[in-house]
PDB file of N, CA and C in Angstrom:
ATOM      1  N   MET A   1     100.955  83.490 101.162  1.00  0.00           N
ATOM      2  CA  MET A   1     102.202  84.244 101.240  1.00  0.00           C
ATOM      3  C   MET A   1     103.343  83.255 100.940  1.00  0.00           C
ATOM      4  N   GLU A   2     104.413  83.855 100.355  1.00  0.00           N
ATOM      5  CA  GLU A   2     105.544  83.059 100.100  1.00  0.00           C
ATOM      6  C   GLU A   2     106.535  83.131 101.300  1.00  0.00           C
ATOM      7  N   ILE A   3     107.203  82.016 101.615  1.00  0.00           N
ATOM      8  CA  ILE A   3     108.063  81.978 102.760  1.00  0.00           C
ATOM      9  C   ILE A   3     109.323  81.430 102.313  1.00  0.00           C
ATOM     10  N   GLU A   4     110.468  82.057 102.695  1.00  0.00           N
ATOM     11  CA  GLU A   4     111.793  81.510 102.573  1.00  0.00           C
ATOM     12  C   GLU A   4     112.415  81.553 103.875  1.00  0.00           C
ATOM     13  N   PHE A   5     113.547  80.909 104.013  1.00  0.00           N
ATOM     14  CA  PHE A   5     114.297  80.774 105.261  1.00  0.00           C
ATOM     15  C   PHE A   5     115.703  81.251 105.173  1.00  0.00           C
ATOM     16  N   ARG A   6     116.202  81.900 106.246  1.00  0.00           N
ATOM     17  CA  ARG A   6     117.575  82.457 106.300  1.00  0.00           C
ATOM     18  C   ARG A   6     118.550  81.402 105.883  1.00  0.00           C
ATOM     19  N   THR A   7     118.416  80.124 106.363  1.00  0.00           N
ATOM     20  CA  THR A   7     119.427  79.108 106.067  1.00  0.00           C
ATOM     21  C   THR A   7     118.621  77.856 105.706  1.00  0.00           C
ATOM     22  N   SER A   8     119.274  76.901 105.005  1.00  0.00           N
ATOM     23  CA  SER A   8     118.689  75.646 104.757  1.00  0.00           C
ATOM     24  C   SER A   8     118.493  74.770 106.041  1.00  0.00           C
ATOM     25  N   LYS A   9     119.398  75.016 106.989  1.00  0.00           N
ATOM     26  CA  LYS A   9     119.336  74.315 108.232  1.00  0.00           C
ATOM     27  C   LYS A   9     118.033  74.662 109.032  1.00  0.00           C
ATOM     28  N   LEU A  10     117.783  76.000 108.974  1.00  0.00           N
ATOM     29  CA  LEU A  10     116.568  76.525 109.659  1.00  0.00           C
ATOM     30  C   LEU A  10     115.385  75.997 108.998  1.00  0.00           C
ATOM     31  N   ALA A  11     115.450  75.973 107.574  1.00  0.00           N
ATOM     32  CA  ALA A  11     114.212  75.415 106.864  1.00  0.00           C
ATOM     33  C   ALA A  11     113.952  73.970 107.262  1.00  0.00           C
ATOM     34  N   LYS A  12     114.959  73.147 107.451  1.00  0.00           N
ATOM     35  CA  LYS A  12     114.866  71.812 107.822  1.00  0.00           C
ATOM     36  C   LYS A  12     114.297  71.635 109.282  1.00  0.00           C
ATOM     37  N   GLN A  13     114.841  72.478 110.101  1.00  0.00           N
ATOM     38  CA  GLN A  13     114.272  72.556 111.509  1.00  0.00           C
ATOM     39  C   GLN A  13     112.808  72.902 111.604  1.00  0.00           C
ATOM     40  N   CYS A  14     112.403  73.825 110.762  1.00  0.00           N
ATOM     41  CA  CYS A  14     110.986  74.325 110.730  1.00  0.00           C
ATOM     42  C   CYS A  14     110.028  73.452 109.941  1.00  0.00           C
ATOM     43  N   ASN A  15     110.575  72.768 108.974  1.00  0.00           N
ATOM     44  CA  ASN A  15     109.576  72.029 107.997  1.00  0.00           C
ATOM     45  C   ASN A  15     109.552  70.637 108.225  1.00  0.00           C
ATOM     46  N   ILE A  16     110.486  70.045 108.917  1.00  0.00           N
ATOM     47  CA  ILE A  16     110.556  68.586 109.201  1.00  0.00           C
ATOM     48  C   ILE A  16     110.178  68.415 110.679  1.00  0.00           C
ATOM     49  N   HIS A  17     108.918  67.859 110.905  1.00  0.00           N
ATOM     50  CA  HIS A  17     108.486  67.864 112.330  1.00  0.00           C
ATOM     51  C   HIS A  17     109.438  67.216 113.249  1.00  0.00           C
ATOM     52  N   LYS A  18     109.924  66.054 112.943  1.00  0.00           N
ATOM     53  CA  LYS A  18     110.825  65.450 113.915  1.00  0.00           C
ATOM     54  C   LYS A  18     112.069  66.318 114.212  1.00  0.00           C
ATOM     55  N   ASN A  19     112.558  67.113 113.294  1.00  0.00           N
ATOM     56  CA  ASN A  19     113.656  67.985 113.566  1.00  0.00           C
ATOM     57  C   ASN A  19     113.261  69.091 114.489  1.00  0.00           C
ATOM     58  N   ALA A  20     112.039  69.685 114.290  1.00  0.00           N
ATOM     59  CA  ALA A  20     111.504  70.774 115.107  1.00  0.00           C
ATOM     60  C   ALA A  20     111.229  70.209 116.524  1.00  0.00           C
ATOM     61  N   VAL A  21     110.751  69.000 116.728  1.00  0.00           N
ATOM     62  CA  VAL A  21     110.563  68.405 118.012  1.00  0.00           C
ATOM     63  C   VAL A  21     111.944  68.250 118.704  1.00  0.00           C
ATOM     64  N   ARG A  22     112.901  67.774 117.983  1.00  0.00           N
ATOM     65  CA  ARG A  22     114.251  67.575 118.561  1.00  0.00           C
ATOM     66  C   ARG A  22     114.811  68.942 119.006  1.00  0.00           C
ATOM     67  N   LYS A  23     114.596  69.878 118.227  1.00  0.00           N
ATOM     68  CA  LYS A  23     115.258  71.234 118.447  1.00  0.00           C
ATOM     69  C   LYS A  23     114.457  71.990 119.620  1.00  0.00           C
ATOM     70  N   TRP A  24     113.091  71.992 119.533  1.00  0.00           N
ATOM     71  CA  TRP A  24     112.332  72.829 120.433  1.00  0.00           C
ATOM     72  C   TRP A  24     111.333  72.171 121.321  1.00  0.00           C
ATOM     73  N   GLY A  25     111.129  70.858 121.182  1.00  0.00           N
ATOM     74  CA  GLY A  25     110.186  70.137 121.879  1.00  0.00           C
ATOM     75  C   GLY A  25     108.856  70.103 121.165  1.00  0.00           C
ATOM     76  N   PRO A  26     107.962  69.125 121.588  1.00  0.00           N
ATOM     77  CA  PRO A  26     106.713  68.903 120.825  1.00  0.00           C
ATOM     78  C   PRO A  26     105.654  70.037 120.868  1.00  0.00           C
ATOM     79  N   GLN A  27     105.507  70.767 121.967  1.00  0.00           N
ATOM     80  CA  GLN A  27     104.588  71.893 122.023  1.00  0.00           C
ATOM     81  C   GLN A  27     104.991  72.968 121.079  1.00  0.00           C
ATOM     82  N   LEU A  28     106.247  73.356 121.201  1.00  0.00           N
ATOM     83  CA  LEU A  28     106.695  74.470 120.368  1.00  0.00           C
ATOM     84  C   LEU A  28     106.713  74.030 118.856  1.00  0.00           C
ATOM     85  N   ALA A  29     107.075  72.811 118.646  1.00  0.00           N
ATOM     86  CA  ALA A  29     107.071  72.416 117.131  1.00  0.00           C
ATOM     87  C   ALA A  29     105.656  72.465 116.625  1.00  0.00           C
ATOM     88  N   ASP A  30     104.609  72.003 117.358  1.00  0.00           N
ATOM     89  CA  ASP A  30     103.334  72.135 116.812  1.00  0.00           C
ATOM     90  C   ASP A  30     102.799  73.519 116.699  1.00  0.00           C
ATOM     91  N   LYS A  31     103.119  74.393 117.607  1.00  0.00           N
ATOM     92  CA  LYS A  31     102.757  75.751 117.414  1.00  0.00           C
ATOM     93  C   LYS A  31     103.390  76.421 116.319  1.00  0.00           C
ATOM     94  N   LEU A  32     104.655  76.111 116.171  1.00  0.00           N
ATOM     95  CA  LEU A  32     105.450  76.567 114.940  1.00  0.00           C
ATOM     96  C   LEU A  32     104.797  76.221 113.614  1.00  0.00           C
ATOM     97  N   ARG A  33     104.504  74.947 113.569  1.00  0.00           N
ATOM     98  CA  ARG A  33     103.858  74.457 112.395  1.00  0.00           C
ATOM     99  C   ARG A  33     102.558  75.177 112.075  1.00  0.00           C
ATOM    100  N   ARG A  34     101.736  75.361 113.076  1.00  0.00           N
ATOM    101  CA  ARG A  34     100.553  76.231 112.899  1.00  0.00           C
ATOM    102  C   ARG A  34     100.717  77.551 112.393  1.00  0.00           C
ATOM    103  N   ARG A  35     101.711  78.213 113.044  1.00  0.00           N
ATOM    104  CA  ARG A  35     101.998  79.646 112.627  1.00  0.00           C
ATOM    105  C   ARG A  35     102.472  79.649 111.222  1.00  0.00           C
ATOM    106  N   LEU A  36     103.388  78.706 110.858  1.00  0.00           N
ATOM    107  CA  LEU A  36     103.858  78.717 109.497  1.00  0.00           C
ATOM    108  C   LEU A  36     102.726  78.440 108.530  1.00  0.00           C
ATOM    109  N   ASP A  37     101.858  77.503 108.802  1.00  0.00           N
ATOM    110  CA  ASP A  37     100.647  77.372 107.949  1.00  0.00           C
ATOM    111  C   ASP A  37      99.780  78.527 107.884  1.00  0.00           C
ATOM    112  N   ASP A  38      99.621  79.299 109.026  1.00  0.00           N
ATOM    113  CA  ASP A  38      98.846  80.489 108.960  1.00  0.00           C
ATOM    114  C   ASP A  38      99.491  81.587 108.137  1.00  0.00           C
ATOM    115  N   LEU A  39     100.805  81.597 108.114  1.00  0.00           N
ATOM    116  CA  LEU A  39     101.570  82.595 107.162  1.00  0.00           C
ATOM    117  C   LEU A  39     101.328  82.170 105.794  1.00  0.00           C
ATOM    118  N   VAL A  40     101.535  80.929 105.464  1.00  0.00           N
ATOM    119  CA  VAL A  40     101.245  80.511 104.023  1.00  0.00           C
ATOM    120  C   VAL A  40      99.831  80.804 103.623  1.00  0.00           C
ATOM    121  N   ALA A  41      98.970  80.731 104.463  1.00  0.00           N
ATOM    122  CA  ALA A  41      97.558  80.911 104.036  1.00  0.00           C
ATOM    123  C   ALA A  41      97.121  82.365 103.922  1.00  0.00           C
ATOM    124  N   ALA A  42      97.891  83.295 104.586  1.00  0.00           N
ATOM    125  CA  ALA A  42      97.642  84.715 104.502  1.00  0.00           C
ATOM    126  C   ALA A  42      98.006  85.278 103.163  1.00  0.00           C
ATOM    127  N   GLU A  43      97.175  86.282 102.717  1.00  0.00           N
ATOM    128  CA  GLU A  43      97.524  86.908 101.456  1.00  0.00           C
ATOM    129  C   GLU A  43      98.642  87.847 101.658  1.00  0.00           C
ATOM    130  N   ASN A  44      98.737  88.470 102.898  1.00  0.00           N
ATOM    131  CA  ASN A  44      99.726  89.515 103.159  1.00  0.00           C
ATOM    132  C   ASN A  44      99.927  89.596 104.655  1.00  0.00           C
ATOM    133  N   LEU A  45     100.831  90.382 105.192  1.00  0.00           N
ATOM    134  CA  LEU A  45     101.111  90.421 106.613  1.00  0.00           C
ATOM    135  C   LEU A  45      99.938  91.177 107.327  1.00  0.00           C
ATOM    136  N   GLU A  46      99.217  92.056 106.685  1.00  0.00           N
ATOM    137  CA  GLU A  46      98.097  92.662 107.269  1.00  0.00           C
ATOM    138  C   GLU A  46      97.072  91.573 107.774  1.00  0.00           C
ATOM    139  N   ASP A  47      96.854  90.545 107.045  1.00  0.00           N
ATOM    140  CA  ASP A  47      96.011  89.390 107.490  1.00  0.00           C
ATOM    141  C   ASP A  47      96.449  88.792 108.849  1.00  0.00           C
ATOM    142  N   MET A  48      97.684  88.733 109.036  1.00  0.00           N
ATOM    143  CA  MET A  48      98.279  88.282 110.350  1.00  0.00           C
ATOM    144  C   MET A  48      97.934  89.196 111.523  1.00  0.00           C
ATOM    145  N   ARG A  49      98.030  90.463 111.238  1.00  0.00           N
ATOM    146  CA  ARG A  49      97.764  91.361 112.356  1.00  0.00           C
ATOM    147  C   ARG A  49      96.245  91.291 112.901  1.00  0.00           C
ATOM    148  N   THR A  50      95.357  91.090 111.994  1.00  0.00           N
ATOM    149  CA  THR A  50      93.983  91.000 112.466  1.00  0.00           C
ATOM    150  C   THR A  50      93.856  89.623 112.992  1.00  0.00           C
ATOM    151  N   ALA A  51      94.420  88.552 112.489  1.00  0.00           N
ATOM    152  CA  ALA A  51      94.301  87.218 113.082  1.00  0.00           C
ATOM    153  C   ALA A  51      94.915  87.069 114.420  1.00  0.00           C
ATOM    154  N   PHE A  52      95.973  87.781 114.760  1.00  0.00           N
ATOM    155  CA  PHE A  52      96.765  87.716 116.014  1.00  0.00           C
ATOM    156  C   PHE A  52      97.021  89.050 116.605  1.00  0.00           C
ATOM    157  N   PRO A  53      96.037  89.722 116.914  1.00  0.00           N
ATOM    158  CA  PRO A  53      96.272  91.075 117.642  1.00  0.00           C
ATOM    159  C   PRO A  53      97.105  90.931 118.926  1.00  0.00           C
ATOM    160  N   GLY A  54      98.114  91.718 119.105  1.00  0.00           N
ATOM    161  CA  GLY A  54      98.903  91.656 120.274  1.00  0.00           C
ATOM    162  C   GLY A  54      99.903  90.598 120.332  1.00  0.00           C
ATOM    163  N   ARG A  55      99.935  89.628 119.420  1.00  0.00           N
ATOM    164  CA  ARG A  55     100.778  88.419 119.364  1.00  0.00           C
ATOM    165  C   ARG A  55     101.846  88.607 118.295  1.00  0.00           C
ATOM    166  N   TYR A  56     101.782  89.739 117.524  1.00  0.00           N
ATOM    167  CA  TYR A  56     102.556  89.924 116.276  1.00  0.00           C
ATOM    168  C   TYR A  56     102.844  91.440 116.347  1.00  0.00           C
ATOM    169  N   HIS A  57     104.148  91.717 116.133  1.00  0.00           N
ATOM    170  CA  HIS A  57     104.575  93.148 116.068  1.00  0.00           C
ATOM    171  C   HIS A  57     105.890  93.397 115.422  1.00  0.00           C
ATOM    172  N   GLU A  58     106.033  94.653 115.028  1.00  0.00           N
ATOM    173  CA  GLU A  58     107.390  94.985 114.496  1.00  0.00           C
ATOM    174  C   GLU A  58     108.390  95.202 115.648  1.00  0.00           C
ATOM    175  N   LEU A  59     109.652  94.907 115.425  1.00  0.00           N
ATOM    176  CA  LEU A  59     110.671  95.075 116.383  1.00  0.00           C
ATOM    177  C   LEU A  59     111.355  96.411 116.201  1.00  0.00           C
ATOM    178  N   LYS A  60     112.069  96.889 117.274  1.00  0.00           N
ATOM    179  CA  LYS A  60     112.686  98.169 117.163  1.00  0.00           C
ATOM    180  C   LYS A  60     114.180  98.095 117.379  1.00  0.00           C
ATOM    181  N   GLY A  61     114.866  99.258 117.333  1.00  0.00           N
ATOM    182  CA  GLY A  61     116.243  99.278 117.699  1.00  0.00           C
ATOM    183  C   GLY A  61     117.093  98.549 116.607  1.00  0.00           C
ATOM    184  N   ASP A  62     118.026  97.669 117.012  1.00  0.00           N
ATOM    185  CA  ASP A  62     118.931  96.897 116.102  1.00  0.00           C
ATOM    186  C   ASP A  62     118.167  95.876 115.335  1.00  0.00           C
ATOM    187  N   ARG A  63     116.896  95.613 115.675  1.00  0.00           N
ATOM    188  CA  ARG A  63     116.052  94.707 114.921  1.00  0.00           C
ATOM    189  C   ARG A  63     114.969  95.365 114.053  1.00  0.00           C
ATOM    190  N   ALA A  64     115.057  96.651 113.910  1.00  0.00           N
ATOM    191  CA  ALA A  64     114.114  97.378 113.051  1.00  0.00           C
ATOM    192  C   ALA A  64     114.004  96.790 111.639  1.00  0.00           C
ATOM    193  N   GLY A  65     112.737  96.617 111.290  1.00  0.00           N
ATOM    194  CA  GLY A  65     112.513  95.999 109.948  1.00  0.00           C
ATOM    195  C   GLY A  65     112.084  94.529 110.094  1.00  0.00           C
ATOM    196  N   GLN A  66     112.358  93.967 111.260  1.00  0.00           N
ATOM    197  CA  GLN A  66     111.972  92.553 111.575  1.00  0.00           C
ATOM    198  C   GLN A  66     110.625  92.471 112.296  1.00  0.00           C
ATOM    199  N   LEU A  67     110.017  91.420 112.248  1.00  0.00           N
ATOM    200  CA  LEU A  67     108.725  91.195 112.935  1.00  0.00           C
ATOM    201  C   LEU A  67     108.841  89.964 113.882  1.00  0.00           C
ATOM    202  N   SER A  68     108.026  89.946 114.798  1.00  0.00           N
ATOM    203  CA  SER A  68     108.011  88.874 115.827  1.00  0.00           C
ATOM    204  C   SER A  68     106.555  88.376 115.988  1.00  0.00           C
ATOM    205  N   LEU A  69     106.442  87.001 115.970  1.00  0.00           N
ATOM    206  CA  LEU A  69     105.118  86.420 116.191  1.00  0.00           C
ATOM    207  C   LEU A  69     105.335  85.428 117.386  1.00  0.00           C
ATOM    208  N   ASP A  70     104.467  85.592 118.379  1.00  0.00           N
ATOM    209  CA  ASP A  70     104.595  84.753 119.501  1.00  0.00           C
ATOM    210  C   ASP A  70     104.301  83.357 119.187  1.00  0.00           C
ATOM    211  N   LEU A  71     105.141  82.423 119.836  1.00  0.00           N
ATOM    212  CA  LEU A  71     104.886  80.956 119.727  1.00  0.00           C
ATOM    213  C   LEU A  71     104.470  80.482 121.167  1.00  0.00           C
ATOM    214  N   GLU A  72     105.375  79.805 121.817  1.00  0.00           N
ATOM    215  CA  GLU A  72     105.263  79.359 123.252  1.00  0.00           C
ATOM    216  C   GLU A  72     106.217  80.363 124.039  1.00  0.00           C
ATOM    217  N   HIS A  73     105.716  81.102 124.984  1.00  0.00           N
ATOM    218  CA  HIS A  73     106.439  81.941 125.795  1.00  0.00           C
ATOM    219  C   HIS A  73     107.717  81.290 126.376  1.00  0.00           C
ATOM    220  N   PRO A  74     108.853  81.839 126.159  1.00  0.00           N
ATOM    221  CA  PRO A  74     109.288  83.117 125.577  1.00  0.00           C
ATOM    222  C   PRO A  74     109.664  83.107 124.209  1.00  0.00           C
ATOM    223  N   GLN A  75     109.472  81.964 123.407  1.00  0.00           N
ATOM    224  CA  GLN A  75     109.937  81.855 122.142  1.00  0.00           C
ATOM    225  C   GLN A  75     109.118  82.535 121.089  1.00  0.00           C
ATOM    226  N   ARG A  76     109.733  83.095 120.107  1.00  0.00           N
ATOM    227  CA  ARG A  76     109.070  83.874 119.029  1.00  0.00           C
ATOM    228  C   ARG A  76     109.623  83.506 117.712  1.00  0.00           C
ATOM    229  N   LEU A  77     108.809  83.613 116.739  1.00  0.00           N
ATOM    230  CA  LEU A  77     109.186  83.458 115.355  1.00  0.00           C
ATOM    231  C   LEU A  77     109.584  84.754 114.753  1.00  0.00           C
ATOM    232  N   LEU A  78     110.787  84.902 114.371  1.00  0.00           N
ATOM    233  CA  LEU A  78     111.403  86.238 113.850  1.00  0.00           C
ATOM    234  C   LEU A  78     111.486  86.136 112.365  1.00  0.00           C
ATOM    235  N   PHE A  79     111.002  87.115 111.666  1.00  0.00           N
ATOM    236  CA  PHE A  79     111.047  87.180 110.141  1.00  0.00           C
ATOM    237  C   PHE A  79     111.096  88.611 109.725  1.00  0.00           C
ATOM    238  N   GLU A  80     111.297  88.733 108.453  1.00  0.00           N
ATOM    239  CA  GLU A  80     111.435  90.089 107.796  1.00  0.00           C
ATOM    240  C   GLU A  80     110.843  89.953 106.373  1.00  0.00           C
ATOM    241  N   PRO A  81     110.496  91.096 105.825  1.00  0.00           N
ATOM    242  CA  PRO A  81     109.980  91.104 104.425  1.00  0.00           C
ATOM    243  C   PRO A  81     111.123  90.591 103.532  1.00  0.00           C
ATOM    244  N   ALA A  82     110.705  89.876 102.463  1.00  0.00           N
ATOM    245  CA  ALA A  82     111.795  89.348 101.530  1.00  0.00           C
ATOM    246  C   ALA A  82     111.625  89.814 100.138  1.00  0.00           C
ATOM    247  N   HIS A  83     111.021  91.074 100.021  1.00  0.00           N
ATOM    248  CA  HIS A  83     110.867  91.711  98.722  1.00  0.00           C
ATOM    249  C   HIS A  83     112.204  92.418  98.311  1.00  0.00           C
ATOM    250  N   ASP A  84     112.451  92.553  97.092  1.00  0.00           N
ATOM    251  CA  ASP A  84     113.660  93.279  96.615  1.00  0.00           C
ATOM    252  C   ASP A  84     113.586  94.732  97.205  1.00  0.00           C
ATOM    253  N   VAL A  85     112.509  95.351  97.107  1.00  0.00           N
ATOM    254  CA  VAL A  85     112.283  96.671  97.700  1.00  0.00           C
ATOM    255  C   VAL A  85     111.151  96.540  98.778  1.00  0.00           C
ATOM    256  N   THR A  86     111.453  96.704  99.983  1.00  0.00           N
ATOM    257  CA  THR A  86     110.388  96.496 101.042  1.00  0.00           C
ATOM    258  C   THR A  86     109.376  97.586 101.009  1.00  0.00           C
ATOM    259  N   PRO A  87     108.068  97.138 100.813  1.00  0.00           N
ATOM    260  CA  PRO A  87     106.941  98.109 100.892  1.00  0.00           C
ATOM    261  C   PRO A  87     106.789  98.905 102.138  1.00  0.00           C
ATOM    262  N   LEU A  88     106.933 100.185 102.112  1.00  0.00           N
ATOM    263  CA  LEU A  88     106.813 101.053 103.190  1.00  0.00           C
ATOM    264  C   LEU A  88     105.577 102.004 103.135  1.00  0.00           C
ATOM    265  N   ARG A  89     105.115 102.412 104.291  1.00  0.00           N
ATOM    266  CA  ARG A  89     104.091 103.481 104.411  1.00  0.00           C
ATOM    267  C   ARG A  89     104.812 104.763 104.335  1.00  0.00           C
ATOM    268  N   PRO A  90     104.034 105.869 104.094  1.00  0.00           N
ATOM    269  CA  PRO A  90     104.691 107.246 103.960  1.00  0.00           C
ATOM    270  C   PRO A  90     105.466 107.640 105.264  1.00  0.00           C
ATOM    271  N   ASP A  91     105.035 107.071 106.458  1.00  0.00           N
ATOM    272  CA  ASP A  91     105.702 107.379 107.671  1.00  0.00           C
ATOM    273  C   ASP A  91     106.973 106.555 107.943  1.00  0.00           C
ATOM    274  N   GLY A  92     107.319 105.628 106.991  1.00  0.00           N
ATOM    275  CA  GLY A  92     108.548 104.832 107.044  1.00  0.00           C
ATOM    276  C   GLY A  92     108.240 103.493 107.564  1.00  0.00           C
ATOM    277  N   GLY A  93     107.141 103.175 108.199  1.00  0.00           N
ATOM    278  CA  GLY A  93     106.782 101.889 108.727  1.00  0.00           C
ATOM    279  C   GLY A  93     106.574 100.868 107.575  1.00  0.00           C
ATOM    280  N   LEU A  94     106.533  99.590 107.957  1.00  0.00           N
ATOM    281  CA  LEU A  94     106.226  98.520 106.988  1.00  0.00           C
ATOM    282  C   LEU A  94     104.852  98.661 106.516  1.00  0.00           C
ATOM    283  N   ASP A  95     104.550  98.565 105.162  1.00  0.00           N
ATOM    284  CA  ASP A  95     103.280  98.514 104.693  1.00  0.00           C
ATOM    285  C   ASP A  95     102.808  97.051 104.592  1.00  0.00           C
ATOM    286  N   ARG A  96     102.274  96.484 105.649  1.00  0.00           N
ATOM    287  CA  ARG A  96     101.991  95.069 105.800  1.00  0.00           C
ATOM    288  C   ARG A  96     100.982  94.692 104.776  1.00  0.00           C
ATOM    289  N   SER A  97     100.130  95.523 104.228  1.00  0.00           N
ATOM    290  CA  SER A  97      99.087  95.037 103.242  1.00  0.00           C
ATOM    291  C   SER A  97      99.876  94.762 101.961  1.00  0.00           C
ATOM    292  N   HIS A  98     101.082  95.137 101.681  1.00  0.00           N
ATOM    293  CA  HIS A  98     101.727  94.832 100.418  1.00  0.00           C
ATOM    294  C   HIS A  98     102.894  93.872 100.575  1.00  0.00           C
ATOM    295  N   ILE A  99     103.048  93.425 101.808  1.00  0.00           N
ATOM    296  CA  ILE A  99     104.163  92.388 101.995  1.00  0.00           C
ATOM    297  C   ILE A  99     103.542  90.971 101.929  1.00  0.00           C
ATOM    298  N   THR A 100     104.016  90.314 100.859  1.00  0.00           N
ATOM    299  CA  THR A 100     103.506  88.998 100.501  1.00  0.00           C
ATOM    300  C   THR A 100     104.559  87.938 100.439  1.00  0.00           C
ATOM    301  N   LYS A 101     105.815  88.335 100.895  1.00  0.00           N
ATOM    302  CA  LYS A 101     106.911  87.428 100.862  1.00  0.00           C
ATOM    303  C   LYS A 101     107.780  87.693 102.060  1.00  0.00           C
ATOM    304  N   ILE A 102     108.029  86.578 102.756  1.00  0.00           N
ATOM    305  CA  ILE A 102     108.840  86.851 104.036  1.00  0.00           C
ATOM    306  C   ILE A 102     109.999  85.850 104.184  1.00  0.00           C
ATOM    307  N   ARG A 103     110.979  86.257 104.954  1.00  0.00           N
ATOM    308  CA  ARG A 103     112.173  85.381 105.187  1.00  0.00           C
ATOM    309  C   ARG A 103     112.110  85.091 106.675  1.00  0.00           C
ATOM    310  N   ILE A 104     112.021  83.770 107.088  1.00  0.00           N
ATOM    311  CA  ILE A 104     112.152  83.400 108.448  1.00  0.00           C
ATOM    312  C   ILE A 104     113.615  83.562 108.813  1.00  0.00           C
ATOM    313  N   LEU A 105     113.797  84.209 109.980  1.00  0.00           N
ATOM    314  CA  LEU A 105     115.219  84.473 110.484  1.00  0.00           C
ATOM    315  C   LEU A 105     115.542  83.564 111.573  1.00  0.00           C
ATOM    316  N   ALA A 106     114.668  83.259 112.552  1.00  0.00           N
ATOM    317  CA  ALA A 106     114.973  82.448 113.672  1.00  0.00           C
ATOM    318  C   ALA A 106     113.758  82.197 114.524  1.00  0.00           C
ATOM    319  N   VAL A 107     113.921  81.140 115.408  1.00  0.00           N
ATOM    320  CA  VAL A 107     113.037  80.951 116.511  1.00  0.00           C
ATOM    321  C   VAL A 107     113.792  81.168 117.788  1.00  0.00           C
ATOM    322  N   GLU A 108     113.502  82.231 118.575  1.00  0.00           N
ATOM    323  CA  GLU A 108     114.288  82.564 119.722  1.00  0.00           C
ATOM    324  C   GLU A 108     113.518  83.412 120.636  1.00  0.00           C
ATOM    325  N   ASP A 109     114.125  83.585 121.945  1.00  0.00           N
ATOM    326  CA  ASP A 109     113.666  84.486 122.888  1.00  0.00           C
ATOM    327  C   ASP A 109     114.292  85.825 122.648  1.00  0.00           C
ATOM    328  N   THR A 110     113.522  86.750 122.229  1.00  0.00           N
ATOM    329  CA  THR A 110     114.160  88.075 121.918  1.00  0.00           C
ATOM    330  C   THR A 110     114.476  88.955 123.214  1.00  0.00           C
ATOM    331  N   HIS A 111     114.034  88.474 124.325  1.00  0.00           N
ATOM    332  CA  HIS A 111     114.268  89.180 125.606  1.00  0.00           C
ATOM    333  C   HIS A 111     115.303  88.612 126.533  1.00  0.00           C
ATOM    334  N   GLY A 112     115.881  87.587 126.016  1.00  0.00           N
ATOM    335  CA  GLY A 112     116.837  86.873 126.906  1.00  0.00           C
ATOM    336  C   GLY A 112     118.166  86.856 126.453  1.00  0.00           C
TER     337      GLY A 112
END
């Protein structure tokens, strides 16, 4: 899967290990790297749902259209489809089997 980042600063924090450790600590930095590697290896977002049941879900409300993948509690990796036209199912939900490009938005606690 293709991955892009909301900002170049976020890309450097996520992709340069010493920056990730400085920002989030060694445990979260290691987990983040594994999850980014998992996303790159996936053909589409549906692959992630079967690999991480219960750890990965669509958000609601003012974050509708975004997805969350658990890292180290309470931190989550937040991202969204990065297609020109977002693939949707007939019921309006994201068609994860056709989402092959994402944009990383943040690493944060969505409940705090």
